[in-house]
Amino acid sequence: MRVVVGAAVVRDGRLLVAQRAEPPDMRGRWELPGGSVEDGESETDALARELREELAYAVVVGERLGPDVPVIGRAGQELVLRFYRCRPENGAEPVALEHLALRWVDADELDGVDWLPADEVLLPALREALGG
């Protein structure tokens, strides 16, 4: 089963969310940034790499957040999504290199985000992580 990792990056009581550009059926929906774990790569290393590649953003990956979320990928493959708490490594701002947009949301804004269904499962854990 392929593992996909996502980052719950919290800074100043706000969560970083990313708006998908691809694939067309997900375009415009919001997610926690991240990506696939490559062969021989740890989940935490993969997450740090994905944020560097997609957002030009350095993070420190912390502990797991929420449950495993099983999903079926585009080619019918079974995937499991795993999310981790992260914090920025420095004061730089992320850049939307592969997304339509990025934004920082607080606990009160979580329900107003048009989440991808797999990320929506995490709302209780995200709310707790944001202290809301």
N, C-alpha and C. Protein backbone atom coordinates (compact mmCIF):
# COMPACT_ATOMS: atom_id res chain seq x y z
N MET A 1 0.85 -1.18 0.00
CA MET A 1 0.00 0.00 0.00
C MET A 1 0.90 1.25 0.00
N ARG A 2 0.62 2.17 -0.87
CA ARG A 2 1.41 3.40 -0.99
C ARG A 2 1.00 4.39 0.10
N VAL A 3 1.99 5.07 0.68
CA VAL A 3 1.75 6.05 1.74
C VAL A 3 1.92 7.46 1.16
N VAL A 4 0.96 8.30 1.48
CA VAL A 4 1.00 9.72 1.13
C VAL A 4 0.97 10.47 2.45
N VAL A 5 1.86 11.47 2.59
CA VAL A 5 1.96 12.21 3.84
C VAL A 5 1.51 13.65 3.64
N GLY A 6 0.88 14.19 4.68
CA GLY A 6 0.41 15.57 4.64
C GLY A 6 0.91 16.33 5.86
N ALA A 7 1.08 17.64 5.69
CA ALA A 7 1.65 18.49 6.74
C ALA A 7 0.61 19.43 7.32
N ALA A 8 0.44 19.35 8.63
CA ALA A 8 -0.36 20.33 9.36
C ALA A 8 0.63 21.35 9.92
N VAL A 9 0.96 22.35 9.08
CA VAL A 9 1.92 23.38 9.46
C VAL A 9 1.18 24.47 10.22
N VAL A 10 1.55 24.64 11.49
CA VAL A 10 0.92 25.65 12.32
C VAL A 10 1.94 26.73 12.65
N ARG A 11 1.51 27.99 12.42
CA ARG A 11 2.36 29.14 12.74
C ARG A 11 1.45 30.23 13.31
N ASP A 12 1.80 30.72 14.47
CA ASP A 12 1.04 31.80 15.11
C ASP A 12 -0.44 31.48 15.22
N GLY A 13 -0.76 30.22 15.55
CA GLY A 13 -2.15 29.82 15.74
C GLY A 13 -2.94 29.66 14.46
N ARG A 14 -2.27 29.60 13.33
CA ARG A 14 -2.94 29.44 12.05
C ARG A 14 -2.35 28.25 11.29
N LEU A 15 -3.18 27.62 10.47
CA LEU A 15 -2.83 26.42 9.72
C LEU A 15 -2.63 26.77 8.24
N LEU A 16 -1.57 26.23 7.65
CA LEU A 16 -1.32 26.42 6.22
C LEU A 16 -2.16 25.44 5.41
N VAL A 17 -2.93 25.97 4.47
CA VAL A 17 -3.72 25.13 3.56
C VAL A 17 -3.38 25.52 2.13
N ALA A 18 -3.50 24.54 1.23
CA ALA A 18 -3.10 24.72 -0.17
C ALA A 18 -4.27 24.34 -1.09
N GLN A 19 -4.48 25.15 -2.12
CA GLN A 19 -5.55 24.91 -3.07
C GLN A 19 -5.02 24.14 -4.28
N ARG A 20 -5.62 22.99 -4.54
CA ARG A 20 -5.15 22.09 -5.61
C ARG A 20 -5.31 22.72 -6.98
N ALA A 21 -4.32 22.47 -7.84
CA ALA A 21 -4.40 22.84 -9.24
C ALA A 21 -4.74 21.63 -10.10
N GLU A 22 -4.27 20.46 -9.69
CA GLU A 22 -4.44 19.21 -10.43
C GLU A 22 -4.84 18.10 -9.47
N PRO A 23 -5.44 17.05 -9.95
CA PRO A 23 -6.05 16.83 -11.26
C PRO A 23 -7.34 17.64 -11.40
N PRO A 24 -7.91 17.67 -12.60
CA PRO A 24 -9.09 18.52 -12.84
C PRO A 24 -10.24 18.29 -11.87
N ASP A 25 -10.47 17.05 -11.44
CA ASP A 25 -11.60 16.80 -10.54
C ASP A 25 -11.34 17.30 -9.11
N MET A 26 -10.11 17.66 -8.79
CA MET A 26 -9.78 18.19 -7.47
C MET A 26 -9.42 19.68 -7.53
N ARG A 27 -9.33 20.23 -8.71
CA ARG A 27 -8.92 21.62 -8.90
C ARG A 27 -9.81 22.56 -8.07
N GLY A 28 -9.16 23.45 -7.33
CA GLY A 28 -9.89 24.44 -6.54
C GLY A 28 -10.22 24.00 -5.12
N ARG A 29 -10.09 22.73 -4.83
CA ARG A 29 -10.35 22.23 -3.47
C ARG A 29 -9.09 22.43 -2.63
N TRP A 30 -9.27 22.42 -1.32
CA TRP A 30 -8.17 22.71 -0.40
C TRP A 30 -7.72 21.45 0.32
N GLU A 31 -6.43 21.44 0.65
CA GLU A 31 -5.80 20.29 1.29
C GLU A 31 -4.67 20.76 2.18
N LEU A 32 -4.17 19.82 2.97
CA LEU A 32 -2.90 20.03 3.64
C LEU A 32 -1.82 19.62 2.66
N PRO A 33 -0.77 20.42 2.50
CA PRO A 33 0.26 20.09 1.52
C PRO A 33 1.02 18.82 1.89
N GLY A 34 1.58 18.16 0.89
CA GLY A 34 2.35 16.94 1.12
C GLY A 34 2.49 16.17 -0.17
N GLY A 35 2.74 14.87 -0.05
CA GLY A 35 2.90 14.05 -1.23
C GLY A 35 3.31 12.63 -0.90
N SER A 36 3.71 11.90 -1.90
CA SER A 36 4.02 10.47 -1.79
C SER A 36 5.38 10.20 -1.15
N VAL A 37 5.42 9.11 -0.42
CA VAL A 37 6.67 8.61 0.15
C VAL A 37 7.32 7.73 -0.92
N GLU A 38 8.56 8.05 -1.27
CA GLU A 38 9.29 7.27 -2.27
C GLU A 38 9.92 6.04 -1.61
N ASP A 39 10.24 5.03 -2.43
CA ASP A 39 10.89 3.82 -1.93
C ASP A 39 12.17 4.18 -1.19
N GLY A 40 12.36 3.60 -0.01
CA GLY A 40 13.56 3.81 0.78
C GLY A 40 13.58 5.13 1.55
N GLU A 41 12.50 5.88 1.52
CA GLU A 41 12.43 7.19 2.17
C GLU A 41 11.53 7.08 3.41
N SER A 42 11.90 7.73 4.49
CA SER A 42 11.02 7.74 5.66
C SER A 42 9.86 8.71 5.40
N GLU A 43 8.78 8.54 6.14
CA GLU A 43 7.63 9.42 5.98
C GLU A 43 8.00 10.86 6.30
N THR A 44 8.77 11.06 7.36
CA THR A 44 9.13 12.42 7.75
C THR A 44 10.06 13.08 6.73
N ASP A 45 11.01 12.31 6.20
CA ASP A 45 11.90 12.84 5.16
C ASP A 45 11.10 13.19 3.90
N ALA A 46 10.15 12.34 3.55
CA ALA A 46 9.31 12.58 2.37
C ALA A 46 8.51 13.87 2.54
N LEU A 47 7.96 14.07 3.72
CA LEU A 47 7.15 15.26 3.95
C LEU A 47 8.00 16.53 3.87
N ALA A 48 9.16 16.52 4.48
CA ALA A 48 10.06 17.68 4.39
C ALA A 48 10.46 17.94 2.94
N ARG A 49 10.75 16.88 2.18
CA ARG A 49 11.12 17.02 0.76
C ARG A 49 9.96 17.59 -0.05
N GLU A 50 8.78 17.05 0.14
CA GLU A 50 7.62 17.51 -0.62
C GLU A 50 7.33 19.00 -0.39
N LEU A 51 7.46 19.46 0.85
CA LEU A 51 7.22 20.88 1.11
C LEU A 51 8.31 21.76 0.51
N ARG A 52 9.53 21.27 0.48
CA ARG A 52 10.60 22.01 -0.21
C ARG A 52 10.29 22.11 -1.71
N GLU A 53 9.87 20.98 -2.31
CA GLU A 53 9.62 20.94 -3.75
C GLU A 53 8.38 21.72 -4.15
N GLU A 54 7.29 21.58 -3.40
CA GLU A 54 6.01 22.18 -3.78
C GLU A 54 5.85 23.62 -3.32
N LEU A 55 6.50 23.96 -2.20
CA LEU A 55 6.27 25.27 -1.58
C LEU A 55 7.54 26.07 -1.34
N ALA A 56 8.70 25.52 -1.69
CA ALA A 56 9.98 26.16 -1.37
C ALA A 56 9.99 26.55 0.11
N TYR A 57 9.57 25.60 0.95
CA TYR A 57 9.32 25.88 2.36
C TYR A 57 9.98 24.81 3.22
N ALA A 58 10.76 25.24 4.19
CA ALA A 58 11.45 24.32 5.09
C ALA A 58 10.65 24.17 6.38
N VAL A 59 10.40 22.92 6.77
CA VAL A 59 9.67 22.65 8.01
C VAL A 59 10.41 21.63 8.85
N VAL A 60 10.08 21.63 10.13
CA VAL A 60 10.51 20.59 11.05
C VAL A 60 9.28 19.70 11.25
N VAL A 61 9.42 18.43 10.92
CA VAL A 61 8.30 17.50 11.01
C VAL A 61 8.24 16.94 12.43
N GLY A 62 7.06 17.01 13.03
CA GLY A 62 6.85 16.54 14.39
C GLY A 62 6.08 15.23 14.42
N GLU A 63 5.19 15.13 15.41
CA GLU A 63 4.46 13.88 15.65
C GLU A 63 3.28 13.72 14.71
N ARG A 64 2.81 12.48 14.63
CA ARG A 64 1.61 12.15 13.83
C ARG A 64 0.41 12.91 14.36
N LEU A 65 -0.52 13.17 13.45
CA LEU A 65 -1.75 13.88 13.79
C LEU A 65 -2.92 13.15 13.16
N GLY A 66 -3.88 12.75 14.00
CA GLY A 66 -5.09 12.11 13.49
C GLY A 66 -4.87 10.68 13.04
N PRO A 67 -5.94 10.07 12.51
CA PRO A 67 -5.88 8.67 12.09
C PRO A 67 -5.31 8.51 10.70
N ASP A 68 -4.94 7.26 10.35
CA ASP A 68 -4.65 6.92 8.96
C ASP A 68 -5.95 7.09 8.17
N VAL A 69 -5.84 7.59 6.96
CA VAL A 69 -7.02 7.79 6.12
C VAL A 69 -6.83 6.98 4.83
N PRO A 70 -7.56 5.86 4.69
CA PRO A 70 -7.43 5.06 3.47
C PRO A 70 -8.22 5.71 2.33
N VAL A 71 -7.62 5.75 1.13
CA VAL A 71 -8.28 6.29 -0.06
C VAL A 71 -7.89 5.45 -1.26
N ILE A 72 -8.66 5.59 -2.31
CA ILE A 72 -8.35 4.93 -3.59
C ILE A 72 -7.81 6.02 -4.52
N GLY A 73 -6.61 5.79 -5.06
CA GLY A 73 -5.95 6.76 -5.94
C GLY A 73 -6.55 6.77 -7.33
N ARG A 74 -6.01 7.65 -8.17
CA ARG A 74 -6.53 7.84 -9.53
C ARG A 74 -6.46 6.57 -10.36
N ALA A 75 -5.44 5.76 -10.20
CA ALA A 75 -5.30 4.54 -10.99
C ALA A 75 -5.92 3.34 -10.29
N GLY A 76 -6.76 3.61 -9.27
CA GLY A 76 -7.40 2.53 -8.53
C GLY A 76 -6.51 1.91 -7.47
N GLN A 77 -5.34 2.51 -7.24
CA GLN A 77 -4.43 1.96 -6.23
C GLN A 77 -4.88 2.36 -4.83
N GLU A 78 -4.60 1.47 -3.90
CA GLU A 78 -4.92 1.74 -2.50
C GLU A 78 -3.83 2.61 -1.90
N LEU A 79 -4.25 3.70 -1.26
CA LEU A 79 -3.34 4.62 -0.61
C LEU A 79 -3.73 4.78 0.84
N VAL A 80 -2.78 5.14 1.66
CA VAL A 80 -3.09 5.54 3.03
C VAL A 80 -2.46 6.91 3.24
N LEU A 81 -3.28 7.85 3.74
CA LEU A 81 -2.81 9.19 4.04
C LEU A 81 -2.45 9.25 5.52
N ARG A 82 -1.28 9.81 5.80
CA ARG A 82 -0.83 10.01 7.18
C ARG A 82 -0.41 11.47 7.32
N PHE A 83 -0.86 12.08 8.39
CA PHE A 83 -0.61 13.50 8.59
C PHE A 83 0.29 13.71 9.80
N TYR A 84 1.10 14.76 9.70
CA TYR A 84 2.06 15.10 10.76
C TYR A 84 1.96 16.57 11.10
N ARG A 85 2.13 16.88 12.37
CA ARG A 85 2.28 18.26 12.80
C ARG A 85 3.64 18.74 12.32
N CYS A 86 3.70 19.96 11.85
CA CYS A 86 4.96 20.56 11.39
C CYS A 86 5.03 22.00 11.87
N ARG A 87 6.25 22.47 11.96
CA ARG A 87 6.44 23.89 12.26
C ARG A 87 7.47 24.44 11.28
N PRO A 88 7.34 25.72 10.95
CA PRO A 88 8.30 26.32 10.02
C PRO A 88 9.71 26.26 10.61
N GLU A 89 10.68 26.05 9.74
CA GLU A 89 12.06 25.98 10.18
C GLU A 89 12.67 27.38 10.31
N ASN A 90 12.11 28.33 9.58
CA ASN A 90 12.62 29.71 9.64
C ASN A 90 11.47 30.66 9.36
N GLY A 91 11.75 31.92 9.17
CA GLY A 91 10.70 32.91 8.97
C GLY A 91 10.25 33.11 7.54
N ALA A 92 10.73 32.27 6.63
CA ALA A 92 10.36 32.40 5.21
C ALA A 92 8.87 32.11 5.00
N GLU A 93 8.33 32.63 3.92
CA GLU A 93 6.94 32.36 3.55
C GLU A 93 6.90 31.26 2.49
N PRO A 94 5.90 30.36 2.56
CA PRO A 94 5.75 29.35 1.51
C PRO A 94 5.32 30.02 0.20
N VAL A 95 5.64 29.36 -0.92
CA VAL A 95 5.32 29.85 -2.25
C VAL A 95 4.50 28.77 -2.97
N ALA A 96 3.42 29.16 -3.60
CA ALA A 96 2.55 28.21 -4.31
C ALA A 96 3.17 27.85 -5.67
N LEU A 97 4.14 26.93 -5.67
CA LEU A 97 4.79 26.52 -6.91
C LEU A 97 3.94 25.53 -7.70
N GLU A 98 3.15 24.70 -7.01
CA GLU A 98 2.34 23.67 -7.67
C GLU A 98 0.86 23.77 -7.31
N HIS A 99 0.48 24.79 -6.54
CA HIS A 99 -0.90 24.97 -6.11
C HIS A 99 -1.43 26.28 -6.68
N LEU A 100 -2.76 26.41 -6.70
CA LEU A 100 -3.38 27.66 -7.15
C LEU A 100 -3.16 28.78 -6.14
N ALA A 101 -3.23 28.43 -4.85
CA ALA A 101 -3.11 29.44 -3.80
C ALA A 101 -2.75 28.76 -2.49
N LEU A 102 -2.27 29.57 -1.57
CA LEU A 102 -2.00 29.15 -0.20
C LEU A 102 -2.68 30.15 0.72
N ARG A 103 -3.10 29.69 1.89
CA ARG A 103 -3.61 30.61 2.89
C ARG A 103 -3.39 30.04 4.28
N TRP A 104 -3.41 30.93 5.25
CA TRP A 104 -3.30 30.55 6.65
C TRP A 104 -4.69 30.74 7.26
N VAL A 105 -5.22 29.70 7.90
CA VAL A 105 -6.56 29.77 8.51
C VAL A 105 -6.47 29.46 9.99
N ASP A 106 -7.40 30.04 10.75
CA ASP A 106 -7.45 29.73 12.18
C ASP A 106 -8.57 28.73 12.43
N ALA A 107 -8.73 28.33 13.66
CA ALA A 107 -9.70 27.28 14.02
C ALA A 107 -11.12 27.66 13.60
N ASP A 108 -11.47 28.93 13.71
CA ASP A 108 -12.82 29.37 13.36
C ASP A 108 -13.09 29.33 11.86
N GLU A 109 -12.05 29.29 11.06
CA GLU A 109 -12.21 29.28 9.60
C GLU A 109 -12.21 27.88 8.99
N LEU A 110 -11.91 26.86 9.78
CA LEU A 110 -11.77 25.50 9.23
C LEU A 110 -13.02 25.01 8.52
N ASP A 111 -14.19 25.28 9.09
CA ASP A 111 -15.43 24.77 8.48
C ASP A 111 -15.78 25.49 7.19
N GLY A 112 -15.22 26.66 6.93
CA GLY A 112 -15.50 27.40 5.72
C GLY A 112 -14.60 27.06 4.55
N VAL A 113 -13.67 26.13 4.76
CA VAL A 113 -12.74 25.72 3.71
C VAL A 113 -13.37 24.57 2.90
N ASP A 114 -13.24 24.63 1.57
CA ASP A 114 -13.76 23.58 0.69
C ASP A 114 -12.72 22.46 0.61
N TRP A 115 -12.67 21.64 1.65
CA TRP A 115 -11.66 20.59 1.81
C TRP A 115 -11.87 19.44 0.84
N LEU A 116 -10.77 18.79 0.47
CA LEU A 116 -10.86 17.46 -0.13
C LEU A 116 -11.39 16.53 0.94
N PRO A 117 -12.20 15.53 0.59
CA PRO A 117 -12.80 14.66 1.60
C PRO A 117 -11.80 14.00 2.54
N ALA A 118 -10.66 13.55 2.03
CA ALA A 118 -9.68 12.87 2.87
C ALA A 118 -9.12 13.81 3.94
N ASP A 119 -8.92 15.07 3.61
CA ASP A 119 -8.39 16.03 4.57
C ASP A 119 -9.47 16.45 5.57
N GLU A 120 -10.71 16.46 5.13
CA GLU A 120 -11.82 16.86 5.99
C GLU A 120 -11.94 15.95 7.22
N VAL A 121 -11.53 14.69 7.06
CA VAL A 121 -11.55 13.73 8.17
C VAL A 121 -10.74 14.26 9.36
N LEU A 122 -9.74 15.07 9.08
CA LEU A 122 -8.84 15.56 10.12
C LEU A 122 -9.35 16.77 10.88
N LEU A 123 -10.49 17.32 10.52
CA LEU A 123 -10.93 18.57 11.14
C LEU A 123 -10.92 18.54 12.67
N PRO A 124 -11.40 17.49 13.33
CA PRO A 124 -11.33 17.50 14.80
C PRO A 124 -9.89 17.60 15.32
N ALA A 125 -8.97 16.86 14.72
CA ALA A 125 -7.57 16.91 15.15
C ALA A 125 -6.95 18.27 14.82
N LEU A 126 -7.32 18.86 13.69
CA LEU A 126 -6.80 20.17 13.34
C LEU A 126 -7.31 21.24 14.27
N ARG A 127 -8.58 21.16 14.61
CA ARG A 127 -9.17 22.11 15.54
C ARG A 127 -8.44 22.05 16.88
N GLU A 128 -8.16 20.85 17.34
CA GLU A 128 -7.43 20.66 18.61
C GLU A 128 -6.01 21.21 18.49
N ALA A 129 -5.35 20.96 17.36
CA ALA A 129 -3.98 21.45 17.16
C ALA A 129 -3.92 22.98 17.17
N LEU A 130 -5.02 23.60 16.75
CA LEU A 130 -5.08 25.05 16.71
C LEU A 130 -5.62 25.64 18.01
N GLY A 131 -5.98 24.76 18.94
CA GLY A 131 -6.50 25.22 20.23
C GLY A 131 -7.90 25.75 20.16
N GLY A 132 -8.66 25.29 19.15
CA GLY A 132 -10.03 25.81 18.98
C GLY A 132 -11.09 24.80 19.25
